[in-house]
Amino acid sequence: MNVVSESTRLHLDKIRAFYDAAPTTIGKHVRCYRTWLAHYYNLTIPPGSSILEIGCGSGELLAQLHGIRKVGIDLSPTQVAAARERVPDAEFHVQAGETLELAEQFDCIIISETLNYSADVQLLLTRLHGVAHANTRLVFNFYSTLWRPLIALAGWFGLRGKQPQSSWISMADMRNLLQLANWDMLTSQSRLLMPLNFLGAEHILNRWLAPLAGWFCLTGFCIARPIQIITNRKSTVSVVIPARNEAGNIEAAVLRTPDMGTGTELIFVEGHSSDNTWEEIQRVRREHPERKIKIMQQTGHGKGDAVRMGYAAATGDILMILDADLTMPPEELPKFFDVLNQGKAEFANGCRLVYPMDEEAMQFLNLCANKTFGIIFTWLLGQPIKDTLCGTKVLSRAHYLQIAANRSYFGDFDPFGDFDLLFGAAKLNLKIADVPIRYKERTYGSTNIHRWSHGWLLLRMVLFAARKLKFV
């Protein structure tokens, strides 16, 4: 049980008295600002989520959020009464975050600027575990300290209502407080250069310039997940192996892929090979009855299509991709399994750029392109991604089904499958972790990658995704 100190109670009483006496009407400037906030929150909240807002005030923000269930708490009875009138389909409680007690768990917990006025931020964040499940996402925003003088001026000129005394919390402070309260920060990004109506220019500034000028933005948006290290979880595994002109690697893939968890199935998806890959897949399955092997021939084209076909047939709790060229040694797959099975991350991405690789494993221009894409993706996704194009990517079947269900947001734009999964994971706010591997030379066949045409296609996909993730 978290103890609330006397000084914390006194501060809560002051805040409650202030907001009980404050007007519940919303000025046009504040309304415009809240509309922008709601826009960015709705981009972040997965469809069909249950939402809890801490410090909901009179319900102006919660009214604009999309959720199947909406609950708000605020320590001011006056503000809660106004919220119930404004959002009759939501549920409201008079409570403070520091003393939160609700017998329910939520998919998303929203805190919009309330942290600045909290009596004890660490205590508030700790109490949130009582209303969070393993996949809950905490989404919050708070003012940038750079805007402190401008916000003070706005108050003097009447553009902002009178506010109680507040803290000015930096991003470094927030990371530390989250860690102390057992939350893992996933992403942080800055939003809003112009929070007010400004002859239409606010749309240009906030959509196109704000992502490039984060230092000057008004508010920081952060997403965190509960820290949970899980042991002894019983998980099954499906390894999908797209194979095109890889006859010489099929048996090695079966012999070298270790059993993981409580059961491992191998799913070969043959993709219009010009050699005897399909015949070899059939032979290997016959000669290795000790392994659970599924085989199929691809009806569409491209690795992305093959992966989706394999995932549709998979029954494992954890889904893996293993390239049939075996340049990513199959013996390293247990590393990926442990990351997911122990809850260290929800999406494990292979990284070839940490350890020394075989001399002929990757050409110099490909290496430069991979490093460049890593920098771009780190900015796009808000999480460190060093190697976007490593073929080995691992996630749970439950999360993949969510990505597939929400694929319409990006569309069917990726023939390779790497970006489709990474962007989908980012849209679901999954924790992504790079898993370094030893990259090896191909020992059979030749690469199916065409450097220039595929490189141009990858760049076009990055620009497309930037419009969906950053410039929105």
Protein backbone atom coordinates (compact mmCIF):
# COMPACT_ATOMS: atom_id res chain seq x y z
CA MET A 1 0.00 0.00 0.00
CA ASN A 2 1.42 3.40 -1.01
CA VAL A 3 1.48 5.89 1.86
CA VAL A 4 0.25 9.42 1.16
CA SER A 5 2.20 11.94 3.23
CA GLU A 6 0.60 14.84 5.05
CA SER A 7 2.31 17.38 2.76
CA THR A 8 0.88 15.57 -0.27
CA ARG A 9 -2.62 15.66 1.25
CA LEU A 10 -2.30 19.39 1.93
CA HIS A 11 -1.23 20.06 -1.65
CA LEU A 12 -4.16 18.00 -2.98
CA ASP A 13 -6.53 20.03 -0.80
CA LYS A 14 -5.16 23.26 -2.28
CA ILE A 15 -5.56 21.99 -5.84
CA ARG A 16 -9.10 20.76 -5.09
CA ALA A 17 -10.08 24.12 -3.60
CA PHE A 18 -8.62 25.97 -6.60
CA TYR A 19 -10.53 23.94 -9.20
CA ASP A 20 -13.74 23.90 -7.21
CA ALA A 21 -13.67 27.67 -7.41
CA ALA A 22 -12.54 27.79 -11.06
CA PRO A 23 -15.06 28.34 -13.89
CA THR A 24 -15.94 25.22 -15.88
CA THR A 25 -16.52 27.06 -19.16
CA ILE A 26 -13.80 26.62 -21.79
CA GLY A 27 -12.41 29.62 -23.67
CA LYS A 28 -11.98 29.46 -27.44
CA HIS A 29 -8.16 29.44 -27.22
CA VAL A 30 -8.17 26.55 -24.75
CA ARG A 31 -10.77 24.76 -26.88
CA CYS A 32 -8.53 25.02 -29.94
CA TYR A 33 -5.56 23.71 -27.98
CA ARG A 34 -7.55 20.77 -26.59
CA THR A 35 -8.75 19.91 -30.10
CA TRP A 36 -5.13 19.63 -31.23
CA LEU A 37 -4.31 17.48 -28.19
CA ALA A 38 -7.28 15.20 -28.91
CA HIS A 39 -6.09 14.81 -32.51
CA TYR A 40 -2.70 13.51 -31.41
CA TYR A 41 -4.11 11.33 -28.66
CA ASN A 42 -6.53 9.71 -31.13
CA LEU A 43 -3.61 8.94 -33.45
CA THR A 44 -1.91 7.19 -30.55
CA ILE A 45 -4.78 5.25 -28.98
CA PRO A 46 -5.44 1.90 -30.71
CA PRO A 47 -9.03 1.44 -31.95
CA GLY A 48 -11.38 -0.28 -29.53
CA SER A 49 -9.45 0.74 -26.39
CA SER A 50 -10.85 1.43 -22.96
CA ILE A 51 -9.58 4.80 -21.71
CA LEU A 52 -8.98 6.26 -18.26
CA GLU A 53 -8.10 9.95 -18.00
CA ILE A 54 -6.37 11.15 -14.84
CA GLY A 55 -7.25 14.77 -14.08
CA CYS A 56 -10.08 14.97 -16.59
CA GLY A 57 -11.27 18.41 -15.47
CA SER A 58 -14.59 19.29 -17.08
CA GLY A 59 -14.21 16.53 -19.71
CA GLU A 60 -13.24 18.71 -22.67
CA LEU A 61 -10.46 16.37 -23.82
CA LEU A 62 -12.15 13.08 -22.94
CA ALA A 63 -15.21 14.08 -24.96
CA GLN A 64 -13.08 14.12 -28.12
CA LEU A 65 -11.25 10.82 -27.59
CA HIS A 66 -12.23 7.62 -29.38
CA GLY A 67 -12.74 4.63 -27.10
CA ILE A 68 -15.22 1.86 -26.42
CA ARG A 69 -15.28 2.85 -22.74
CA LYS A 70 -14.23 6.17 -21.21
CA VAL A 71 -13.67 6.89 -17.53
CA GLY A 72 -12.38 10.10 -15.99
CA ILE A 73 -11.23 11.01 -12.52
CA ASP A 74 -10.62 14.45 -11.02
CA LEU A 75 -10.22 15.62 -7.44
CA SER A 76 -12.67 18.51 -7.92
CA PRO A 77 -16.39 17.67 -7.47
CA THR A 78 -17.28 20.85 -9.37
CA GLN A 79 -15.21 19.83 -12.40
CA VAL A 80 -16.54 16.26 -12.30
CA ALA A 81 -20.12 17.53 -12.28
CA ALA A 82 -19.39 19.59 -15.41
CA ALA A 83 -17.69 16.58 -17.05
CA ARG A 84 -20.72 14.37 -16.45
CA GLU A 85 -22.90 16.93 -18.17
CA ARG A 86 -20.50 17.35 -21.11
CA VAL A 87 -19.82 13.62 -21.67
CA PRO A 88 -22.93 11.71 -20.54
CA ASP A 89 -21.74 8.42 -22.08
CA ALA A 90 -18.59 8.37 -19.92
CA GLU A 91 -18.13 7.50 -16.26
CA PHE A 92 -16.55 9.90 -13.76
CA HIS A 93 -15.22 9.64 -10.21
CA VAL A 94 -14.06 12.25 -7.69
CA GLN A 95 -10.56 11.00 -6.91
CA ALA A 96 -6.96 12.14 -6.99
CA GLY A 97 -4.39 10.18 -8.96
CA GLU A 98 -2.22 9.86 -5.86
CA THR A 99 -5.05 8.02 -4.04
CA LEU A 100 -6.54 6.26 -7.07
CA GLU A 101 -8.76 3.25 -6.33
CA LEU A 102 -10.76 1.70 -9.17
CA ALA A 103 -11.70 -1.96 -9.57
CA GLU A 104 -11.00 -2.00 -13.31
CA GLN A 105 -8.10 -2.21 -15.73
CA PHE A 106 -7.78 -0.03 -18.83
CA ASP A 107 -6.07 -0.34 -22.21
CA CYS A 108 -4.96 3.31 -22.23
CA ILE A 109 -4.35 5.71 -19.35
CA ILE A 110 -4.29 9.38 -20.38
CA ILE A 111 -2.67 12.17 -18.38
CA SER A 112 -2.80 15.55 -20.10
CA GLU A 113 -0.69 18.15 -18.24
CA THR A 114 -1.91 16.92 -14.86
CA LEU A 115 1.58 15.74 -13.97
CA ASN A 116 2.70 19.37 -13.72
CA TYR A 117 0.18 19.93 -10.90
CA SER A 118 0.58 16.58 -9.17
CA ALA A 119 1.48 16.61 -5.49
CA ASP A 120 3.64 13.50 -5.93
CA VAL A 121 4.31 12.35 -9.50
CA GLN A 122 6.11 9.17 -8.47
CA LEU A 123 3.24 8.14 -6.21
CA LEU A 124 0.68 8.89 -8.92
CA LEU A 125 2.56 6.80 -11.48
CA THR A 126 2.90 3.95 -8.98
CA ARG A 127 -0.84 3.95 -8.23
CA LEU A 128 -1.58 3.52 -11.93
CA HIS A 129 -0.36 -0.09 -11.82
CA GLY A 130 -3.57 -0.92 -9.98
CA VAL A 131 -5.64 -0.04 -13.07
CA ALA A 132 -3.19 -1.36 -15.68
CA HIS A 133 -2.75 -4.78 -17.27
CA ALA A 134 0.36 -6.13 -19.01
CA ASN A 135 -0.50 -4.44 -22.33
CA THR A 136 -1.73 -1.11 -20.94
CA ARG A 137 -0.21 2.00 -22.46
CA LEU A 138 0.29 5.16 -20.43
CA VAL A 139 0.06 8.18 -22.75
CA PHE A 140 0.70 11.65 -21.41
CA ASN A 141 1.76 15.13 -22.41
CA PHE A 142 3.30 18.00 -20.50
CA TYR A 143 4.57 21.49 -21.28
CA SER A 144 8.10 22.07 -22.51
CA THR A 145 10.12 24.18 -20.10
CA LEU A 146 11.20 26.33 -23.07
CA TRP A 147 7.65 27.69 -23.24
CA ARG A 148 7.51 28.74 -19.60
CA PRO A 149 7.94 32.49 -20.30
CA LEU A 150 5.38 32.43 -23.15
CA ILE A 151 2.82 30.57 -21.04
CA ALA A 152 3.29 33.15 -18.27
CA LEU A 153 2.70 35.92 -20.82
CA ALA A 154 -0.43 34.16 -22.07
CA GLY A 155 -1.77 34.19 -18.52
CA TRP A 156 -1.02 37.91 -18.07
CA PHE A 157 -2.83 38.77 -21.32
CA GLY A 158 -5.85 36.61 -20.47
CA LEU A 159 -5.25 34.03 -23.21
CA ARG A 160 -5.01 31.31 -20.57
CA GLY A 161 -7.10 30.90 -17.47
CA LYS A 162 -5.58 31.26 -14.03
CA GLN A 163 -3.73 28.12 -12.98
CA PRO A 164 -2.48 26.76 -9.63
CA GLN A 165 1.21 26.59 -8.87
CA SER A 166 2.83 23.96 -11.07
CA SER A 167 6.08 22.07 -11.48
CA TRP A 168 8.16 22.31 -14.65
CA ILE A 169 9.18 18.76 -15.45
CA SER A 170 11.86 18.03 -18.05
CA MET A 171 11.99 14.97 -20.26
CA ALA A 172 14.93 13.68 -18.23
CA ASP A 173 12.86 14.13 -15.04
CA MET A 174 10.03 12.12 -16.60
CA ARG A 175 12.27 9.25 -17.64
CA ASN A 176 13.64 9.04 -14.13
CA LEU A 177 10.21 9.23 -12.48
CA LEU A 178 8.82 6.55 -14.78
CA GLN A 179 11.72 4.25 -13.97
CA LEU A 180 11.26 4.82 -10.22
CA ALA A 181 7.57 3.91 -10.59
CA ASN A 182 8.29 0.79 -12.72
CA TRP A 183 7.19 2.19 -16.07
CA ASP A 184 9.21 1.77 -19.25
CA MET A 185 9.17 4.79 -21.57
CA LEU A 186 8.68 3.63 -25.16
CA THR A 187 8.57 6.84 -27.20
CA SER A 188 8.66 10.57 -26.73
CA GLN A 189 8.02 13.24 -29.32
CA SER A 190 7.33 16.95 -29.38
CA ARG A 191 4.16 18.45 -30.84
CA LEU A 192 2.50 21.82 -31.46
CA LEU A 193 4.31 24.95 -32.56
CA MET A 194 1.07 26.96 -32.71
CA PRO A 195 -1.61 25.97 -30.15
CA LEU A 196 -4.03 28.75 -31.20
CA ASN A 197 -6.01 29.56 -34.35
CA PHE A 198 -3.74 31.69 -36.51
CA LEU A 199 -5.49 32.33 -39.85
CA GLY A 200 -5.04 28.69 -40.82
CA ALA A 201 -1.26 28.81 -40.51
CA GLU A 202 -1.43 26.62 -37.40
CA HIS A 203 -2.16 23.59 -39.59
CA ILE A 204 1.00 24.10 -41.64
CA LEU A 205 3.13 24.80 -38.57
CA ASN A 206 1.85 21.89 -36.51
CA ARG A 207 1.76 19.28 -39.27
CA TRP A 208 4.83 19.99 -41.36
CA LEU A 209 7.24 22.05 -39.24
CA ALA A 210 6.70 20.77 -35.70
CA PRO A 211 8.18 17.29 -36.41
CA LEU A 212 11.35 19.00 -37.68
CA ALA A 213 11.59 21.58 -34.88
CA GLY A 214 10.96 19.51 -31.78
CA TRP A 215 13.01 21.76 -29.50
CA PHE A 216 10.58 24.63 -30.04
CA CYS A 217 7.30 22.71 -29.60
CA LEU A 218 4.91 23.47 -26.78
CA THR A 219 4.25 19.99 -25.46
CA GLY A 220 5.93 16.62 -25.23
CA PHE A 221 3.94 13.43 -25.80
CA CYS A 222 5.22 10.24 -24.16
CA ILE A 223 4.12 6.60 -24.19
CA ALA A 224 5.10 4.10 -21.50
CA ARG A 225 4.29 0.50 -20.58
CA PRO A 226 4.37 -1.33 -17.23
CA ILE A 227 7.67 -3.03 -16.48
CA GLN A 228 7.02 -6.75 -16.12
CA ILE A 229 9.77 -9.35 -16.29
CA ILE A 230 7.98 -12.68 -16.73
CA THR A 231 9.56 -16.04 -15.94
CA ASN A 232 8.47 -19.60 -16.73
CA ARG A 233 5.81 -18.54 -19.23
CA LYS A 234 4.82 -21.49 -21.40
CA SER A 235 4.90 -20.30 -25.03
CA THR A 236 4.87 -22.13 -28.34
CA VAL A 237 6.74 -20.90 -31.41
CA SER A 238 6.09 -20.75 -35.15
CA VAL A 239 9.08 -20.07 -37.43
CA VAL A 240 8.05 -18.89 -40.90
CA ILE A 241 10.72 -19.52 -43.57
CA PRO A 242 10.03 -17.84 -46.95
CA ALA A 243 12.06 -19.73 -49.55
CA ARG A 244 12.68 -18.79 -53.18
CA ASN A 245 15.53 -20.54 -55.02
CA GLU A 246 16.95 -21.83 -51.72
CA ALA A 247 17.03 -25.61 -52.32
CA GLY A 248 20.51 -25.95 -50.82
CA ASN A 249 19.49 -24.42 -47.48
CA ILE A 250 16.21 -26.19 -46.69
CA GLU A 251 17.55 -29.19 -44.76
CA ALA A 252 20.06 -27.03 -42.88
CA ALA A 253 17.20 -24.78 -41.75
CA VAL A 254 15.42 -27.79 -40.25
CA LEU A 255 18.53 -29.27 -38.64
CA ARG A 256 19.86 -25.99 -37.23
CA THR A 257 16.66 -24.38 -35.91
CA PRO A 258 16.44 -25.30 -32.22
CA ASP A 259 13.27 -26.27 -30.40
CA MET A 260 12.03 -23.37 -28.30
CA GLY A 261 9.42 -23.00 -25.59
CA THR A 262 6.90 -25.79 -25.25
CA GLY A 263 6.87 -26.58 -28.97
CA THR A 264 8.25 -25.24 -32.27
CA GLU A 265 6.69 -25.57 -35.71
CA LEU A 266 8.51 -24.73 -38.96
CA ILE A 267 6.44 -23.25 -41.80
CA PHE A 268 8.07 -23.20 -45.25
CA VAL A 269 6.46 -20.90 -47.84
CA GLU A 270 7.92 -21.55 -51.29
CA GLY A 271 7.76 -18.58 -53.64
CA HIS A 272 7.82 -19.43 -57.38
CA SER A 273 11.36 -20.86 -57.39
CA SER A 274 13.19 -21.67 -60.61
CA ASP A 275 15.22 -24.42 -58.93
CA ASN A 276 13.99 -27.50 -57.04
CA THR A 277 13.22 -25.70 -53.77
CA TRP A 278 9.63 -27.03 -53.59
CA GLU A 279 10.72 -30.62 -54.17
CA GLU A 280 13.43 -30.24 -51.53
CA ILE A 281 10.93 -28.85 -49.00
CA GLN A 282 8.68 -31.86 -49.57
CA ARG A 283 11.60 -34.29 -49.23
CA VAL A 284 12.87 -32.72 -46.03
CA ARG A 285 9.44 -32.86 -44.42
CA ARG A 286 9.14 -36.58 -45.26
CA GLU A 287 12.58 -37.37 -43.87
CA HIS A 288 12.19 -35.43 -40.62
CA PRO A 289 8.95 -36.61 -39.04
CA GLU A 290 10.38 -35.68 -35.62
CA ARG A 291 9.87 -31.99 -36.46
CA LYS A 292 6.51 -30.29 -36.84
CA ILE A 293 6.75 -28.92 -40.40
CA LYS A 294 4.08 -27.21 -42.49
CA ILE A 295 4.66 -26.50 -46.18
CA MET A 296 2.83 -24.36 -48.72
CA GLN A 297 3.36 -22.65 -52.06
CA GLN A 298 2.93 -18.93 -52.34
CA THR A 299 -0.01 -17.66 -54.38
CA GLY A 300 1.05 -14.01 -54.42
CA HIS A 301 4.46 -12.41 -54.86
CA GLY A 302 7.10 -10.91 -52.61
CA LYS A 303 8.49 -11.84 -49.21
CA GLY A 304 5.82 -9.80 -47.40
CA ASP A 305 3.06 -11.85 -49.01
CA ALA A 306 4.88 -15.10 -48.10
CA VAL A 307 5.23 -14.03 -44.47
CA ARG A 308 1.54 -13.15 -44.21
CA MET A 309 0.62 -16.51 -45.73
CA GLY A 310 2.82 -18.31 -43.23
CA TYR A 311 1.53 -16.30 -40.29
CA ALA A 312 -2.05 -17.10 -41.30
CA ALA A 313 -1.24 -20.80 -40.90
CA ALA A 314 0.81 -20.40 -37.71
CA THR A 315 -0.46 -21.73 -34.38
CA GLY A 316 2.42 -20.63 -32.11
CA ASP A 317 2.16 -17.96 -29.43
CA ILE A 318 5.34 -16.34 -30.76
CA LEU A 319 5.89 -15.79 -34.49
CA MET A 320 9.36 -15.64 -36.04
CA ILE A 321 10.73 -14.99 -39.53
CA LEU A 322 13.86 -16.85 -40.61
CA ASP A 323 15.30 -16.02 -44.02
CA ALA A 324 16.02 -19.22 -45.92
CA ASP A 325 19.50 -18.00 -46.94
CA LEU A 326 20.53 -18.63 -43.29
CA THR A 327 22.74 -15.55 -43.19
CA MET A 328 21.09 -15.04 -39.80
CA PRO A 329 22.19 -18.22 -37.99
CA PRO A 330 19.09 -20.17 -36.85
CA GLU A 331 20.97 -21.07 -33.65
CA GLU A 332 20.47 -17.45 -32.51
CA LEU A 333 16.67 -17.60 -32.56
CA PRO A 334 16.44 -18.46 -28.81
CA LYS A 335 17.73 -14.93 -28.10
CA PHE A 336 14.63 -13.54 -29.77
CA PHE A 337 12.40 -16.02 -27.95
CA ASP A 338 13.76 -14.97 -24.55
CA VAL A 339 13.18 -11.27 -25.27
CA LEU A 340 9.47 -11.86 -25.88
CA ASN A 341 8.87 -14.72 -23.48
CA GLN A 342 10.35 -12.79 -20.55
CA GLY A 343 8.49 -9.57 -21.38
CA LYS A 344 11.64 -7.54 -22.09
CA ALA A 345 10.05 -6.26 -25.32
CA GLU A 346 7.04 -6.97 -27.53
CA PHE A 347 8.82 -6.83 -30.89
CA ALA A 348 12.32 -8.23 -31.37
CA ASN A 349 14.20 -6.91 -34.39
CA GLY A 350 17.41 -8.54 -35.63
CA CYS A 351 20.42 -6.24 -35.85
CA ARG A 352 23.38 -7.12 -38.08
CA LEU A 353 25.33 -3.90 -37.44
CA VAL A 354 26.80 -4.52 -33.98
CA TYR A 355 29.12 -7.52 -34.34
CA PRO A 356 31.71 -7.91 -37.11
CA MET A 357 30.18 -9.70 -40.10
CA ASP A 358 31.68 -12.03 -42.67
CA GLU A 359 33.66 -10.20 -45.33
CA GLU A 360 31.22 -10.88 -48.18
CA ALA A 361 28.04 -10.82 -46.07
CA MET A 362 27.03 -7.24 -46.94
CA GLN A 363 28.31 -4.93 -49.67
CA PHE A 364 29.52 -1.46 -48.67
CA LEU A 365 26.66 0.47 -50.29
CA ASN A 366 24.14 -1.83 -48.66
CA LEU A 367 25.82 -1.21 -45.31
CA CYS A 368 25.57 2.56 -45.82
CA ALA A 369 21.89 2.26 -46.78
CA ASN A 370 21.13 0.13 -43.73
CA LYS A 371 22.77 2.63 -41.38
CA THR A 372 20.87 5.50 -43.04
CA PHE A 373 17.54 3.73 -42.74
CA GLY A 374 18.33 3.03 -39.08
CA ILE A 375 18.76 6.74 -38.36
CA ILE A 376 15.57 7.63 -40.23
CA PHE A 377 13.53 4.93 -38.50
CA THR A 378 14.76 5.93 -35.05
CA TRP A 379 13.35 9.40 -35.73
CA LEU A 380 10.16 8.08 -37.34
CA LEU A 381 9.26 5.53 -34.67
CA GLY A 382 10.58 7.35 -31.62
CA GLN A 383 12.49 4.21 -30.53
CA PRO A 384 16.10 3.26 -31.30
CA ILE A 385 16.20 1.01 -34.40
CA LYS A 386 19.67 0.24 -35.71
CA ASP A 387 18.93 -2.22 -38.54
CA THR A 388 15.50 -2.04 -40.16
CA LEU A 389 16.15 -4.50 -42.99
CA CYS A 390 17.32 -7.55 -41.08
CA GLY A 391 14.93 -10.29 -42.13
CA THR A 392 14.48 -11.73 -38.63
CA LYS A 393 11.57 -10.11 -36.82
CA VAL A 394 9.69 -11.67 -33.90
CA LEU A 395 6.41 -10.79 -32.22
CA SER A 396 3.48 -12.49 -30.53
CA ARG A 397 0.65 -13.87 -32.62
CA ALA A 398 -1.81 -11.72 -30.63
CA HIS A 399 0.05 -8.54 -31.57
CA TYR A 400 0.41 -9.63 -35.19
CA LEU A 401 -3.35 -10.12 -35.42
CA GLN A 402 -3.79 -6.56 -34.14
CA ILE A 403 -1.34 -5.27 -36.77
CA ALA A 404 -3.20 -7.18 -39.49
CA ALA A 405 -6.58 -5.87 -38.29
CA ASN A 406 -5.30 -2.27 -38.45
CA ARG A 407 -3.32 -2.66 -41.68
CA SER A 408 -5.71 -0.34 -43.51
CA TYR A 409 -4.05 2.64 -41.77
CA PHE A 410 -0.90 2.17 -43.86
CA GLY A 411 -2.37 0.00 -46.61
CA ASP A 412 -0.68 -2.83 -48.51
CA PHE A 413 2.41 -0.82 -49.41
CA ASP A 414 5.31 -3.12 -48.48
CA PRO A 415 6.28 -6.12 -50.68
CA PHE A 416 9.12 -7.04 -48.30
CA GLY A 417 7.17 -7.19 -45.04
CA ASP A 418 9.83 -5.55 -42.85
CA PHE A 419 8.33 -2.06 -42.85
CA ASP A 420 4.78 -3.36 -42.60
CA LEU A 421 5.62 -5.06 -39.30
CA LEU A 422 7.78 -2.24 -37.91
CA PHE A 423 5.25 0.49 -38.71
CA GLY A 424 2.41 -1.67 -37.45
CA ALA A 425 4.27 -2.29 -34.18
CA ALA A 426 4.94 1.42 -33.78
CA LYS A 427 1.27 2.26 -34.39
CA LEU A 428 0.32 -0.19 -31.61
CA ASN A 429 2.95 1.39 -29.30
CA LEU A 430 4.81 -1.89 -28.88
CA LYS A 431 8.18 -1.99 -27.16
CA ILE A 432 10.79 -2.69 -29.88
CA ALA A 433 14.21 -4.14 -29.03
CA ASP A 434 17.19 -4.70 -31.30
CA VAL A 435 18.75 -8.15 -30.90
CA PRO A 436 22.37 -8.21 -32.21
CA ILE A 437 23.26 -11.21 -34.35
CA ARG A 438 26.34 -12.50 -36.18
CA TYR A 439 25.64 -11.97 -39.89
CA LYS A 440 27.09 -14.66 -42.16
CA GLU A 441 27.86 -15.07 -45.84
CA ARG A 442 25.38 -16.89 -48.02
CA THR A 443 26.59 -20.42 -48.78
CA TYR A 444 24.06 -21.31 -51.48
CA GLY A 445 22.36 -19.36 -54.27
CA SER A 446 22.28 -15.60 -54.78
CA THR A 447 20.43 -12.73 -53.18
CA ASN A 448 16.89 -11.85 -54.27
CA ILE A 449 17.48 -8.16 -53.49
CA HIS A 450 17.98 -5.66 -56.36
CA ARG A 451 19.96 -2.87 -54.79
CA TRP A 452 18.87 0.16 -56.81
CA SER A 453 15.25 -0.61 -57.66
CA HIS A 454 14.49 -1.98 -54.20
CA GLY A 455 16.41 0.87 -52.54
CA TRP A 456 14.25 3.43 -54.35
CA LEU A 457 11.13 1.51 -53.35
CA LEU A 458 12.24 1.45 -49.71
CA LEU A 459 12.83 5.21 -49.76
CA ARG A 460 9.34 5.79 -51.17
CA MET A 461 7.87 3.63 -48.41
CA VAL A 462 9.72 5.68 -45.78
CA LEU A 463 8.29 8.93 -47.18
CA PHE A 464 4.82 7.41 -47.24
CA ALA A 465 5.09 6.25 -43.63
CA ALA A 466 6.44 9.64 -42.49
CA ARG A 467 3.14 11.20 -43.56
CA LYS A 468 1.29 8.62 -41.45
CA LEU A 469 3.49 8.73 -38.34
CA LYS A 470 5.07 12.18 -38.12
CA PHE A 471 3.41 14.68 -40.44
CA VAL A 472 -0.18 14.06 -39.33
